[in-house]
Amino acid sequence: MFVIFPVCVDTYTEVVSRFAPGGERETTADSVQECIDACNAKARDECTAFDFNAADNGCWLHSAANPNIQSTTLQITHYQRVECTREFSL
């Protein structure tokens, strides 16, 4: 007999050429996937979004929803965390 545990995976909505001011630099992440991993390692209320700057591989985590998302000509993309709505079983 084996037990199957439900798995819930959050996703991210990508907003190109946008950023939210006030993020905290995550120095251990230098790719989008590492930024996702760093955000997922935190509780949902501790990481609600992140910005990734492709020019310098900068990852900036956000702990609160910021309605003041600004446009930019820099290579920055804003990623908004979307809580999973469906559970999958392994």
C-alpha atoms as a PDB file:
ATOM      1  CA  MET A   1       0.000   0.000   0.000  1.00  0.00           C
ATOM      2  CA  PHE A   2       1.247   3.502  -0.763  1.00  0.00           C
ATOM      3  CA  VAL A   3      -0.074   6.963  -0.032  1.00  0.00           C
ATOM      4  CA  ILE A   4      -0.539   9.630  -2.686  1.00  0.00           C
ATOM      5  CA  PHE A   5      -0.084  13.179  -1.450  1.00  0.00           C
ATOM      6  CA  PRO A   6      -1.728  16.072  -3.287  1.00  0.00           C
ATOM      7  CA  VAL A   7       0.654  18.482  -4.990  1.00  0.00           C
ATOM      8  CA  CYS A   8      -0.242  22.082  -5.638  1.00  0.00           C
ATOM      9  CA  VAL A   9       2.014  24.098  -7.937  1.00  0.00           C
ATOM     10  CA  ASP A  10       1.762  27.883  -8.230  1.00  0.00           C
ATOM     11  CA  THR A  11       2.264  29.500 -11.618  1.00  0.00           C
ATOM     12  CA  TYR A  12       3.386  33.007 -12.638  1.00  0.00           C
ATOM     13  CA  THR A  13       1.849  35.574 -14.960  1.00  0.00           C
ATOM     14  CA  GLU A  14       4.536  37.292 -17.040  1.00  0.00           C
ATOM     15  CA  VAL A  15       4.298  41.043 -17.737  1.00  0.00           C
ATOM     16  CA  VAL A  16       7.069  42.075 -20.147  1.00  0.00           C
ATOM     17  CA  SER A  17       8.733  45.505 -19.871  1.00  0.00           C
ATOM     18  CA  ARG A  18       7.180  46.135 -16.455  1.00  0.00           C
ATOM     19  CA  PHE A  19       8.478  46.214 -12.893  1.00  0.00           C
ATOM     20  CA  ALA A  20       7.205  46.992  -9.414  1.00  0.00           C
ATOM     21  CA  PRO A  21       9.350  49.262  -7.239  1.00  0.00           C
ATOM     22  CA  GLY A  22      10.310  48.173  -3.739  1.00  0.00           C
ATOM     23  CA  GLY A  23      11.479  44.614  -4.266  1.00  0.00           C
ATOM     24  CA  GLU A  24      14.160  42.884  -2.205  1.00  0.00           C
ATOM     25  CA  ARG A  25      17.214  41.653  -4.129  1.00  0.00           C
ATOM     26  CA  GLU A  26      17.592  37.858  -4.085  1.00  0.00           C
ATOM     27  CA  THR A  27      21.342  37.400  -4.493  1.00  0.00           C
ATOM     28  CA  THR A  28      21.193  33.600  -4.798  1.00  0.00           C
ATOM     29  CA  ALA A  29      19.089  33.737  -7.987  1.00  0.00           C
ATOM     30  CA  ASP A  30      20.466  34.733 -11.369  1.00  0.00           C
ATOM     31  CA  SER A  31      17.930  33.188 -13.763  1.00  0.00           C
ATOM     32  CA  VAL A  32      14.154  33.276 -14.087  1.00  0.00           C
ATOM     33  CA  GLN A  33      13.908  29.658 -12.895  1.00  0.00           C
ATOM     34  CA  GLU A  34      16.068  30.393  -9.840  1.00  0.00           C
ATOM     35  CA  CYS A  35      13.848  33.419  -9.119  1.00  0.00           C
ATOM     36  CA  ILE A  36      10.763  31.179  -9.344  1.00  0.00           C
ATOM     37  CA  ASP A  37      12.418  28.655  -7.019  1.00  0.00           C
ATOM     38  CA  ALA A  38      13.345  31.387  -4.525  1.00  0.00           C
ATOM     39  CA  CYS A  39       9.797  32.756  -4.543  1.00  0.00           C
ATOM     40  CA  ASN A  40       8.232  29.288  -4.251  1.00  0.00           C
ATOM     41  CA  ALA A  41      10.473  28.551  -1.252  1.00  0.00           C
ATOM     42  CA  LYS A  42       8.686  31.351   0.618  1.00  0.00           C
ATOM     43  CA  ALA A  43       5.105  31.409   1.845  1.00  0.00           C
ATOM     44  CA  ARG A  44       2.660  32.997  -0.602  1.00  0.00           C
ATOM     45  CA  ASP A  45       2.292  36.087   1.584  1.00  0.00           C
ATOM     46  CA  GLU A  46       6.098  36.428   1.773  1.00  0.00           C
ATOM     47  CA  CYS A  47       6.583  36.334  -2.005  1.00  0.00           C
ATOM     48  CA  THR A  48       3.685  37.492  -4.150  1.00  0.00           C
ATOM     49  CA  ALA A  49       5.714  38.443  -7.229  1.00  0.00           C
ATOM     50  CA  PHE A  50       9.203  39.088  -8.559  1.00  0.00           C
ATOM     51  CA  ASP A  51      10.979  41.170 -11.177  1.00  0.00           C
ATOM     52  CA  PHE A  52      13.771  39.756 -13.306  1.00  0.00           C
ATOM     53  CA  ASN A  53      16.264  42.033 -15.053  1.00  0.00           C
ATOM     54  CA  ALA A  54      17.792  40.142 -17.991  1.00  0.00           C
ATOM     55  CA  ALA A  55      20.525  42.774 -18.442  1.00  0.00           C
ATOM     56  CA  ASP A  56      22.192  41.986 -15.120  1.00  0.00           C
ATOM     57  CA  ASN A  57      20.372  38.760 -14.107  1.00  0.00           C
ATOM     58  CA  GLY A  58      18.893  40.610 -11.126  1.00  0.00           C
ATOM     59  CA  CYS A  59      16.054  38.996  -9.188  1.00  0.00           C
ATOM     60  CA  TRP A  60      13.859  41.194  -6.983  1.00  0.00           C
ATOM     61  CA  LEU A  61      11.248  39.518  -4.757  1.00  0.00           C
ATOM     62  CA  HIS A  62       8.072  41.280  -3.630  1.00  0.00           C
ATOM     63  CA  SER A  63       6.178  40.507  -0.443  1.00  0.00           C
ATOM     64  CA  ALA A  64       3.044  42.519  -1.169  1.00  0.00           C
ATOM     65  CA  ALA A  65       0.908  43.107  -4.207  1.00  0.00           C
ATOM     66  CA  ASN A  66       1.981  46.376  -5.788  1.00  0.00           C
ATOM     67  CA  PRO A  67      -0.639  48.024  -7.998  1.00  0.00           C
ATOM     68  CA  ASN A  68       1.980  50.542  -9.105  1.00  0.00           C
ATOM     69  CA  ILE A  69       3.552  48.358 -11.806  1.00  0.00           C
ATOM     70  CA  GLN A  70       5.524  50.694 -14.040  1.00  0.00           C
ATOM     71  CA  SER A  71       6.623  50.392 -17.643  1.00  0.00           C
ATOM     72  CA  THR A  72      10.287  50.398 -18.557  1.00  0.00           C
ATOM     73  CA  THR A  73      12.499  50.272 -21.617  1.00  0.00           C
ATOM     74  CA  LEU A  74      14.944  48.096 -19.676  1.00  0.00           C
ATOM     75  CA  GLN A  75      15.020  44.321 -20.008  1.00  0.00           C
ATOM     76  CA  ILE A  76      12.874  43.796 -16.904  1.00  0.00           C
ATOM     77  CA  THR A  77       9.907  41.445 -16.679  1.00  0.00           C
ATOM     78  CA  HIS A  78       7.440  41.345 -13.791  1.00  0.00           C
ATOM     79  CA  TYR A  79       6.127  37.929 -12.699  1.00  0.00           C
ATOM     80  CA  GLN A  80       2.965  37.839 -10.573  1.00  0.00           C
ATOM     81  CA  ARG A  81       2.475  34.684  -8.497  1.00  0.00           C
ATOM     82  CA  VAL A  82      -0.823  32.898  -9.145  1.00  0.00           C
ATOM     83  CA  GLU A  83      -1.948  30.517  -6.425  1.00  0.00           C
ATOM     84  CA  CYS A  84      -2.784  27.056  -7.711  1.00  0.00           C
ATOM     85  CA  THR A  85      -6.480  26.301  -7.898  1.00  0.00           C
ATOM     86  CA  ARG A  86      -6.286  22.600  -8.608  1.00  0.00           C
ATOM     87  CA  GLU A  87      -4.526  19.803  -6.787  1.00  0.00           C
ATOM     88  CA  PHE A  88      -2.670  17.128  -8.713  1.00  0.00           C
ATOM     89  CA  SER A  89      -1.710  13.726  -7.415  1.00  0.00           C
ATOM     90  CA  LEU A  90       1.594  12.038  -8.088  1.00  0.00           C
END
